[in-house]
Amino acid sequence: MQMFRHVENVSEWQDLPLRGGVRVGSILAVGVDLPRLLSWGPARTVAARHTRRWAQVFDHLQSSRPGPWSGWTSSYDGRPLPRRQMQDWLRATLERIKALEPRRVLEVGCGAGRIARALAPDVESYLGLDISPAALDALRAGLRADGVRAGHVDLRLGDHEALARLPGSSFDCIVVNSVVQYLPNLSALQTLLDSCGRLLAPFGAVFLGDIRDLRLQEAFAGSLAAYQQPQPLSPGALWIDISRRLIEEPELLVAPGYFAAAAPWAGAVDLQLKPGRTDNELFRFRYDVVLRHGPTPSRPPALVFRGDNAAQALVRALGRAEAPFIRGESFTDLRISPVIEPMSVKRSPRRGGRRPGGFHPARLFSLGARHGYRTVVSPAASHRVDRLDVLFQREASLPGCSGAPAHGVVARGALTQEAMTNMPLAAAALPRLRTAVGERLGGGRPILLVDALRLEKLQRDAPDWLAHVD
């Protein structure tokens, strides 16, 4: 059966960043060459406006919906995330930052000050940067209301590029929480990390919180599609819905493996899943990173348990305190597995379900606390998106790390945007490209712009998926 009818003239438009197109029912799916899109003439002005656009968004939120959780809404239904869940999120974030024993603090993207107001009273100095004047005004008012003395707090308007003007080795703790997603591209993220390395004092630490996980982008998009559609979608219709969400994503997502090689000044890299029982999108699809300045610590010998079949043996070893270091590898992550849609085009999508064995991250943290272990729960080094690793370390032992280099130490030159992040600047340029394609084709047929690599993979591996999408 002929599932696709190729639109040959699309590939002939050399002035547009396209790579093939097919008609599927009433829809024209056009493959977009994303790297070429970023250098396409009409798209070149997008990068210059990126930071300003987000600043306007944050200013509007502060003026229209002032409050500590302004703008924190569910991607599923648009409603504000429950206050209790946001308080759990903030509590977990503050616990991780305070565990670093901050004294001289730089916060990049301080916003209205949820973290600043908790840290400022107890540190020697605090410098906060933000791109939103309205957010800084709200933070100043909050600090005055808290009675925090102004002498050791400095708030400045600026983005990650302003870090170049600060003196080196000035801070023992740098906080970048829920900020990375608003950067325009991998280059900006790398500039941020390089600046952090220069500004950090010896043996200091950088906390990067709320990183959206690139590996889970498709699962997140699939869960949104499943929630927001009144009826179950066919494989082809689901593929179309997910494809649209992926290419139109306006925020930056980062693969965990990036951080193992992106900061050569960091002797230790902790990749950490969120603690707690909350299972909303902030906990399921995001992770934290701690980069520690200094020499690389030696990895201590550990008692290792691998795979779901070893789950009960791991629990028994903890209860008996059989070793100061106990490591679990490649266990099913029971927080993420129920919502993962296995969208490999070589098999039909299905709803993920809870499999035997495995752990919810909250249970691992609870087990560690019960038996006197410090616990670090990380994305699995096996690269399986539905798996996690865990390191239990006796509290009396030397500070340890999750062993993030096990994710694969990649050469710095291999840290390409295509491999490590998505391309939010491309999303901002899509409306102009869609208009250009429509003008060339005429006829008013619905146009779906999709990553060319994704379209080619579907045509190669599962053309029957798009047999019935209308």
Protein backbone atom coordinates (compact mmCIF):
# COMPACT_ATOMS: atom_id res chain seq x y z
CA MET A 1 0.00 0.00 0.00
CA GLN A 2 1.36 3.47 -0.89
CA MET A 3 1.48 5.37 2.41
CA PHE A 4 3.43 8.44 1.22
CA ARG A 5 3.33 10.57 -1.88
CA HIS A 6 6.58 12.47 -2.16
CA VAL A 7 6.52 16.19 -2.84
CA GLU A 8 9.61 16.41 -5.01
CA ASN A 9 9.71 20.17 -5.53
CA VAL A 10 10.20 20.82 -1.80
CA SER A 11 13.73 19.42 -1.99
CA GLU A 12 14.43 21.62 -5.01
CA TRP A 13 13.91 24.84 -3.05
CA GLN A 14 17.56 25.33 -2.21
CA ASP A 15 16.95 28.74 -0.65
CA LEU A 16 14.82 27.17 2.10
CA PRO A 17 16.21 24.90 4.86
CA LEU A 18 14.14 21.87 3.81
CA ARG A 19 14.97 18.26 3.11
CA GLY A 20 12.07 16.44 1.51
CA GLY A 21 8.36 16.34 2.04
CA VAL A 22 5.51 13.85 1.85
CA ARG A 23 1.75 14.10 1.67
CA VAL A 24 -0.10 12.04 4.24
CA GLY A 25 -3.85 12.25 3.84
CA SER A 26 -4.73 15.92 4.03
CA ILE A 27 -1.42 16.86 5.67
CA LEU A 28 1.82 17.91 4.03
CA ALA A 29 4.74 16.82 6.25
CA VAL A 30 7.86 18.82 5.37
CA GLY A 31 11.28 17.84 6.68
CA VAL A 32 13.22 20.78 8.16
CA ASP A 33 17.01 20.77 8.21
CA LEU A 34 17.33 22.29 11.69
CA PRO A 35 21.03 23.30 11.54
CA ARG A 36 20.41 25.04 8.21
CA LEU A 37 17.31 26.72 9.61
CA LEU A 38 19.43 28.52 12.21
CA SER A 39 21.52 30.13 9.45
CA TRP A 40 18.55 30.89 7.19
CA GLY A 41 18.32 34.63 6.58
CA PRO A 42 14.92 35.40 8.17
CA ALA A 43 15.88 33.33 11.25
CA ARG A 44 19.10 35.17 12.04
CA THR A 45 17.38 37.88 14.05
CA VAL A 46 15.76 35.33 16.37
CA ALA A 47 18.86 34.77 18.55
CA ALA A 48 19.27 38.49 19.22
CA ARG A 49 15.70 38.69 20.52
CA HIS A 50 15.78 35.49 22.56
CA THR A 51 16.82 36.89 25.97
CA ARG A 52 14.71 40.01 25.55
CA ARG A 53 11.64 37.91 24.78
CA TRP A 54 12.01 35.84 27.96
CA ALA A 55 12.63 39.03 30.00
CA GLN A 56 9.34 40.40 28.72
CA VAL A 57 7.58 37.17 29.68
CA PHE A 58 8.91 37.31 33.25
CA ASP A 59 8.14 41.02 33.60
CA HIS A 60 4.57 40.37 32.47
CA LEU A 61 4.15 37.52 34.95
CA GLN A 62 5.33 39.68 37.84
CA SER A 63 3.00 42.54 36.93
CA SER A 64 -0.07 40.47 36.03
CA ARG A 65 0.17 37.59 38.52
CA PRO A 66 2.49 38.62 41.38
CA GLY A 67 3.28 35.94 43.91
CA PRO A 68 5.92 33.37 44.82
CA TRP A 69 4.73 30.84 42.22
CA SER A 70 3.77 33.18 39.40
CA GLY A 71 3.99 31.38 36.06
CA TRP A 72 4.41 27.87 37.47
CA THR A 73 1.58 26.15 35.63
CA SER A 74 0.98 22.61 34.45
CA SER A 75 1.88 21.83 30.84
CA TYR A 76 -1.01 19.35 30.84
CA ASP A 77 -3.99 21.54 31.73
CA GLY A 78 -2.59 25.07 32.15
CA ARG A 79 -3.60 25.28 35.81
CA PRO A 80 -1.22 26.50 38.52
CA LEU A 81 0.80 23.66 39.98
CA PRO A 82 -0.44 22.82 43.50
CA ARG A 83 1.23 24.91 46.19
CA ARG A 84 2.17 21.81 48.19
CA GLN A 85 4.00 20.35 45.21
CA MET A 86 5.85 23.60 44.61
CA GLN A 87 6.82 23.76 48.27
CA ASP A 88 8.17 20.20 48.01
CA TRP A 89 10.15 21.24 44.94
CA LEU A 90 11.61 24.29 46.70
CA ARG A 91 12.41 22.33 49.86
CA ALA A 92 14.32 19.71 47.90
CA THR A 93 16.22 22.38 45.97
CA LEU A 94 17.21 24.28 49.10
CA GLU A 95 18.35 21.12 50.86
CA ARG A 96 20.74 20.36 47.99
CA ILE A 97 22.10 23.91 47.88
CA LYS A 98 22.54 24.16 51.65
CA ALA A 99 24.36 20.82 51.69
CA LEU A 100 27.10 22.61 49.72
CA GLU A 101 27.62 24.93 52.74
CA PRO A 102 27.45 28.17 50.75
CA ARG A 103 29.07 31.33 52.12
CA ARG A 104 29.83 33.59 49.12
CA VAL A 105 26.92 33.00 46.74
CA LEU A 106 26.28 33.99 43.14
CA GLU A 107 22.82 33.19 41.79
CA VAL A 108 22.32 33.45 38.04
CA GLY A 109 18.63 33.97 37.35
CA CYS A 110 17.51 34.80 40.89
CA GLY A 111 14.01 35.80 39.80
CA ALA A 112 11.67 37.02 42.51
CA GLY A 113 13.84 35.33 45.12
CA ARG A 114 12.49 32.01 46.31
CA ILE A 115 16.07 30.81 46.83
CA ALA A 116 17.63 34.19 47.63
CA ARG A 117 15.27 34.86 50.53
CA ALA A 118 16.12 31.48 52.04
CA LEU A 119 19.91 31.82 51.61
CA ALA A 120 20.67 35.52 52.05
CA PRO A 121 20.14 35.75 55.82
CA ASP A 122 22.75 33.07 56.53
CA VAL A 123 25.58 33.74 54.04
CA GLU A 124 28.49 36.19 54.01
CA SER A 125 27.58 37.67 50.65
CA TYR A 126 24.94 37.16 47.99
CA LEU A 127 24.98 38.47 44.40
CA GLY A 128 21.87 37.89 42.32
CA LEU A 129 21.59 38.42 38.56
CA ASP A 130 18.36 38.38 36.56
CA ILE A 131 17.10 39.55 33.17
CA SER A 132 13.78 40.81 34.56
CA PRO A 133 13.66 44.25 36.24
CA ALA A 134 10.23 43.45 37.66
CA ALA A 135 11.52 40.25 39.27
CA LEU A 136 14.44 42.11 40.87
CA ASP A 137 12.06 44.75 42.24
CA ALA A 138 9.92 41.98 43.76
CA LEU A 139 13.01 40.40 45.32
CA ARG A 140 14.15 43.69 46.84
CA ALA A 141 10.72 44.17 48.38
CA GLY A 142 10.73 40.63 49.73
CA LEU A 143 14.16 41.00 51.34
CA ARG A 144 13.05 44.27 53.00
CA ALA A 145 9.96 42.53 54.33
CA ASP A 146 12.17 39.76 55.70
CA GLY A 147 14.41 42.28 57.47
CA VAL A 148 17.52 41.12 55.61
CA ARG A 149 20.33 43.67 55.88
CA ALA A 150 21.18 45.16 52.53
CA GLY A 151 24.94 45.42 53.05
CA HIS A 152 25.82 41.90 51.96
CA VAL A 153 23.17 41.53 49.23
CA ASP A 154 23.75 42.85 45.71
CA LEU A 155 21.08 42.54 42.99
CA ARG A 156 21.95 43.37 39.37
CA LEU A 157 20.23 43.32 36.00
CA GLY A 158 22.05 40.98 33.63
CA ASP A 159 22.18 37.58 31.95
CA HIS A 160 24.84 34.88 31.69
CA GLU A 161 27.01 37.15 29.54
CA ALA A 162 27.33 39.60 32.45
CA LEU A 163 29.43 37.01 34.29
CA ALA A 164 32.44 38.00 32.16
CA ARG A 165 32.62 41.29 34.09
CA LEU A 166 32.91 39.67 37.54
CA PRO A 167 36.29 39.01 39.22
CA GLY A 168 37.53 35.41 39.20
CA SER A 169 37.49 32.98 42.15
CA SER A 170 34.96 35.18 43.96
CA PHE A 171 32.32 32.63 44.96
CA ASP A 172 32.28 29.30 46.74
CA CYS A 173 28.76 28.50 45.53
CA ILE A 174 27.09 29.40 42.24
CA VAL A 175 23.38 28.66 41.87
CA VAL A 176 21.75 28.36 38.44
CA ASN A 177 18.30 27.02 39.23
CA SER A 178 15.52 26.66 36.65
CA VAL A 179 17.47 28.88 34.26
CA VAL A 180 19.20 26.64 31.71
CA GLN A 181 15.96 26.03 29.82
CA TYR A 182 15.81 29.73 28.92
CA LEU A 183 19.23 29.80 27.24
CA PRO A 184 19.16 29.97 23.43
CA ASN A 185 21.56 27.14 22.55
CA LEU A 186 24.44 24.89 23.55
CA SER A 187 26.98 27.66 22.96
CA ALA A 188 25.32 29.86 25.58
CA LEU A 189 25.27 26.97 28.06
CA GLN A 190 28.95 26.28 27.45
CA THR A 191 29.75 29.97 27.95
CA LEU A 192 27.86 29.85 31.25
CA LEU A 193 29.77 26.80 32.49
CA ASP A 194 33.12 28.25 31.43
CA SER A 195 32.30 31.45 33.34
CA CYS A 196 31.29 29.45 36.41
CA GLY A 197 34.62 27.67 36.35
CA ARG A 198 36.47 30.99 36.27
CA LEU A 199 34.36 32.55 39.04
CA LEU A 200 34.41 29.58 41.39
CA ALA A 201 36.86 29.51 44.29
CA PRO A 202 38.93 26.34 44.82
CA PHE A 203 36.77 23.50 46.16
CA GLY A 204 33.59 25.45 45.50
CA ALA A 205 30.50 24.05 43.78
CA VAL A 206 28.00 24.97 41.08
CA PHE A 207 24.40 23.87 41.51
CA LEU A 208 22.46 23.62 38.23
CA GLY A 209 18.87 22.84 39.10
CA ASP A 210 15.80 21.86 37.14
CA ILE A 211 17.53 20.79 33.92
CA ARG A 212 15.00 19.51 31.43
CA ASP A 213 16.12 16.07 30.22
CA LEU A 214 16.55 15.82 26.46
CA ARG A 215 16.34 12.01 26.62
CA LEU A 216 12.79 12.30 27.98
CA GLN A 217 11.54 14.96 25.57
CA GLU A 218 9.64 12.49 23.41
CA ALA A 219 8.15 10.72 26.44
CA PHE A 220 7.00 14.07 27.85
CA ALA A 221 5.47 15.08 24.51
CA GLY A 222 3.73 11.71 24.27
CA SER A 223 2.28 12.03 27.77
CA LEU A 224 0.95 15.51 26.91
CA ALA A 225 -0.65 14.17 23.74
CA ALA A 226 -2.25 11.27 25.59
CA TYR A 227 -3.62 13.59 28.31
CA GLN A 228 -4.92 16.34 26.08
CA GLN A 229 -6.64 14.21 23.40
CA PRO A 230 -10.19 13.07 24.29
CA GLN A 231 -9.76 9.80 22.38
CA PRO A 232 -6.74 7.47 22.01
CA LEU A 233 -4.66 8.37 18.95
CA SER A 234 -3.60 6.01 16.21
CA PRO A 235 0.17 5.47 15.94
CA GLY A 236 0.35 7.82 12.97
CA ALA A 237 -1.72 10.57 14.59
CA LEU A 238 0.34 10.26 17.77
CA TRP A 239 3.55 10.52 15.74
CA ILE A 240 2.29 13.71 14.11
CA ASP A 241 1.26 15.24 17.46
CA ILE A 242 4.60 14.42 19.08
CA SER A 243 6.58 15.62 16.06
CA ARG A 244 4.87 18.99 16.22
CA ARG A 245 5.56 19.36 19.94
CA LEU A 246 9.23 18.41 19.56
CA ILE A 247 10.08 20.89 16.83
CA GLU A 248 8.05 23.72 18.43
CA GLU A 249 9.67 23.34 21.87
CA PRO A 250 10.78 26.88 22.92
CA GLU A 251 12.99 25.82 25.84
CA LEU A 252 16.47 24.26 25.95
CA LEU A 253 16.69 20.60 26.99
CA VAL A 254 20.03 18.97 27.83
CA ALA A 255 21.17 15.34 27.86
CA PRO A 256 22.75 14.36 31.21
CA GLY A 257 25.85 13.02 29.46
CA TYR A 258 26.78 16.56 28.41
CA PHE A 259 27.93 17.58 31.87
CA ALA A 260 30.49 14.80 32.22
CA ALA A 261 32.74 16.52 29.68
CA ALA A 262 31.53 20.11 29.50
CA ALA A 263 33.31 21.40 32.61
CA PRO A 264 36.96 20.25 32.63
CA TRP A 265 37.56 22.29 35.78
CA ALA A 266 35.10 20.09 37.70
CA GLY A 267 36.74 17.23 39.54
CA ALA A 268 33.39 15.66 40.44
CA VAL A 269 30.02 15.70 38.71
CA ASP A 270 26.81 14.72 40.51
CA LEU A 271 23.81 14.02 38.32
CA GLN A 272 20.81 13.83 40.63
CA LEU A 273 17.19 12.85 40.11
CA LYS A 274 14.64 14.71 42.20
CA PRO A 275 13.82 13.36 45.69
CA GLY A 276 10.34 13.12 47.16
CA ARG A 277 7.09 11.40 46.28
CA THR A 278 5.78 14.16 44.04
CA ASP A 279 5.31 12.85 40.51
CA ASN A 280 4.53 15.98 38.50
CA GLU A 281 6.49 17.14 35.43
CA LEU A 282 9.10 19.01 37.52
CA PHE A 283 10.09 15.80 39.28
CA ARG A 284 9.66 13.30 36.45
CA PHE A 285 11.31 15.05 33.53
CA ARG A 286 14.02 17.18 35.17
CA TYR A 287 17.25 16.59 37.06
CA ASP A 288 19.88 18.53 39.02
CA VAL A 289 23.64 18.75 38.52
CA VAL A 290 26.38 19.62 41.02
CA LEU A 291 29.82 20.45 39.62
CA ARG A 292 32.60 20.48 42.23
CA HIS A 293 35.82 22.38 41.67
CA GLY A 294 39.01 20.53 42.44
CA PRO A 295 40.80 17.25 41.78
CA THR A 296 38.87 14.18 40.72
CA PRO A 297 38.19 12.00 43.78
CA SER A 298 39.09 8.36 43.54
CA ARG A 299 36.06 6.12 43.23
CA PRO A 300 35.89 3.92 46.34
CA PRO A 301 35.30 0.20 46.03
CA ALA A 302 31.61 -0.47 46.31
CA LEU A 303 29.30 -3.42 46.69
CA VAL A 304 27.43 -3.42 43.35
CA PHE A 305 23.93 -4.68 42.55
CA ARG A 306 22.75 -4.56 38.96
CA GLY A 307 19.28 -4.81 37.45
CA ASP A 308 15.77 -5.29 38.81
CA ASN A 309 16.40 -8.89 39.82
CA ALA A 310 18.92 -7.61 42.37
CA ALA A 311 16.55 -5.10 43.98
CA GLN A 312 15.78 -7.13 47.10
CA ALA A 313 19.43 -8.08 47.55
CA LEU A 314 20.28 -4.37 47.53
CA VAL A 315 17.67 -3.66 50.21
CA ARG A 316 19.05 -6.47 52.39
CA ALA A 317 22.63 -5.20 52.01
CA LEU A 318 21.54 -1.75 53.18
CA GLY A 319 19.75 -3.17 56.19
CA ARG A 320 22.85 -5.12 57.20
CA ALA A 321 25.20 -2.21 56.42
CA GLU A 322 27.37 -4.66 54.50
CA ALA A 323 29.67 -1.97 53.03
CA PRO A 324 30.35 1.78 53.38
CA PHE A 325 29.64 2.21 49.67
CA ILE A 326 26.78 0.37 47.98
CA ARG A 327 25.96 0.98 44.34
CA GLY A 328 22.85 -0.02 42.40
CA GLU A 329 22.91 0.11 38.63
CA SER A 330 20.24 0.03 35.93
CA PHE A 331 17.11 -0.34 38.05
CA THR A 332 13.73 0.51 36.56
CA ASP A 333 12.75 4.05 37.55
CA LEU A 334 9.19 3.64 38.82
CA ARG A 335 8.59 7.38 38.69
CA ILE A 336 9.17 7.72 34.96
CA SER A 337 8.33 4.26 33.59
CA PRO A 338 4.50 4.62 33.92
CA VAL A 339 4.46 7.62 31.58
CA ILE A 340 7.07 6.62 29.02
CA GLU A 341 5.69 5.98 25.55
CA PRO A 342 8.24 3.76 23.76
CA MET A 343 8.10 5.68 20.50
CA SER A 344 10.76 3.76 18.61
CA VAL A 345 9.38 3.69 15.10
CA LYS A 346 10.27 0.01 14.83
CA ARG A 347 7.39 -0.90 17.10
CA SER A 348 3.94 0.43 17.84
CA PRO A 349 3.56 2.85 20.75
CA ARG A 350 2.07 1.51 23.92
CA ARG A 351 1.43 2.83 27.36
CA GLY A 352 4.24 2.14 29.77
CA GLY A 353 3.31 0.18 32.86
CA ARG A 354 4.90 -0.63 36.15
CA ARG A 355 7.18 -3.64 35.77
CA PRO A 356 8.27 -5.98 38.56
CA GLY A 357 11.26 -4.76 40.54
CA GLY A 358 12.82 -1.37 40.27
CA PHE A 359 12.53 1.61 42.59
CA HIS A 360 10.80 4.93 42.89
CA PRO A 361 13.55 7.50 43.66
CA ALA A 362 11.74 8.46 46.87
CA ARG A 363 12.06 4.92 48.20
CA LEU A 364 15.82 4.93 47.60
CA PHE A 365 16.23 8.20 49.50
CA SER A 366 14.08 6.80 52.31
CA LEU A 367 16.12 3.58 52.49
CA GLY A 368 19.36 5.53 52.62
CA ALA A 369 18.16 7.80 55.41
CA ARG A 370 16.80 4.88 57.41
CA HIS A 371 20.11 3.03 57.36
CA GLY A 372 22.47 5.99 57.73
CA TYR A 373 23.61 6.41 54.12
CA ARG A 374 23.94 9.53 52.00
CA THR A 375 22.01 8.81 48.79
CA VAL A 376 22.61 10.02 45.24
CA VAL A 377 20.08 8.83 42.64
CA SER A 378 21.13 9.48 39.03
CA PRO A 379 20.00 8.86 35.47
CA ALA A 380 21.33 5.44 34.50
CA ALA A 381 24.78 5.27 32.93
CA SER A 382 23.34 2.63 30.60
CA HIS A 383 21.51 5.45 28.76
CA ARG A 384 18.18 3.64 29.23
CA VAL A 385 15.74 6.48 29.83
CA ASP A 386 13.56 4.35 32.10
CA ARG A 387 16.46 3.28 34.34
CA LEU A 388 18.32 4.84 37.27
CA ASP A 389 21.53 4.31 39.22
CA VAL A 390 22.04 4.90 42.93
CA LEU A 391 25.02 5.33 45.23
CA PHE A 392 24.67 4.83 48.98
CA GLN A 393 27.51 6.24 51.04
CA ARG A 394 27.99 6.09 54.79
CA GLU A 395 27.53 9.54 56.30
CA ALA A 396 30.89 9.28 58.08
CA SER A 397 32.74 8.64 54.82
CA LEU A 398 34.39 11.32 52.70
CA PRO A 399 32.04 13.31 50.42
CA GLY A 400 31.38 11.32 47.27
CA CYS A 401 29.72 11.79 43.94
CA SER A 402 27.43 9.84 41.70
CA GLY A 403 30.18 8.85 39.35
CA ALA A 404 28.76 10.79 36.44
CA PRO A 405 31.72 10.08 34.14
CA ALA A 406 30.27 6.59 33.83
CA HIS A 407 27.76 8.22 31.49
CA GLY A 408 30.54 8.28 28.96
CA VAL A 409 33.37 10.76 28.88
CA VAL A 410 32.92 12.36 25.50
CA ALA A 411 35.56 14.45 23.80
CA ARG A 412 34.75 18.13 24.22
CA GLY A 413 34.60 18.53 20.45
CA ALA A 414 31.84 15.92 20.32
CA LEU A 415 29.50 18.04 22.44
CA THR A 416 27.44 19.13 19.46
CA GLN A 417 24.06 20.81 19.75
CA GLU A 418 22.42 18.01 17.77
CA ALA A 419 23.66 15.33 20.20
CA MET A 420 23.32 17.13 23.52
CA THR A 421 20.44 19.63 23.24
CA ASN A 422 17.43 20.54 21.18
CA MET A 423 17.24 23.79 19.19
CA PRO A 424 14.81 26.31 20.70
CA LEU A 425 15.96 29.04 18.31
CA ALA A 426 14.72 26.88 15.45
CA ALA A 427 11.28 26.77 17.08
CA ALA A 428 11.15 30.57 17.10
CA ALA A 429 11.90 30.68 13.35
CA LEU A 430 9.23 28.15 12.34
CA PRO A 431 6.35 30.60 11.76
CA ARG A 432 8.34 32.40 9.08
CA LEU A 433 9.37 29.13 7.45
CA ARG A 434 5.79 27.82 7.49
CA THR A 435 4.63 31.00 5.77
CA ALA A 436 7.34 30.66 3.11
CA VAL A 437 6.43 27.03 2.42
CA GLY A 438 2.73 27.88 2.21
CA GLU A 439 3.37 30.67 -0.28
CA ARG A 440 5.36 28.32 -2.51
CA LEU A 441 2.80 25.51 -2.43
CA GLY A 442 -0.49 27.38 -2.35
CA GLY A 443 -3.77 25.55 -1.99
CA GLY A 444 -4.23 25.94 1.77
CA ARG A 445 -3.27 22.35 2.61
CA PRO A 446 -2.31 21.90 6.33
CA ILE A 447 1.48 21.92 6.72
CA LEU A 448 3.39 19.99 9.38
CA LEU A 449 7.01 21.06 9.83
CA VAL A 450 9.03 18.21 11.32
CA ASP A 451 12.69 17.49 11.96
CA ALA A 452 13.98 16.02 8.67
CA LEU A 453 15.90 13.30 10.49
CA ARG A 454 12.75 12.23 12.30
CA LEU A 455 10.73 12.14 9.06
CA GLU A 456 13.40 10.11 7.26
CA LYS A 457 13.55 7.62 10.12
CA LEU A 458 9.80 7.11 10.01
CA GLN A 459 9.78 6.60 6.24
CA ARG A 460 12.57 4.07 6.57
CA ASP A 461 11.39 2.09 9.59
CA ALA A 462 7.60 2.33 9.91
CA PRO A 463 5.80 3.82 6.89
CA ASP A 464 2.57 2.05 7.86
CA TRP A 465 2.21 4.29 10.91
CA LEU A 466 0.83 7.11 8.77
CA ALA A 467 -1.63 4.96 6.82
CA HIS A 468 -4.67 6.41 8.61
CA VAL A 469 -4.24 9.76 10.29
CA ASP A 470 -7.29 11.77 9.17
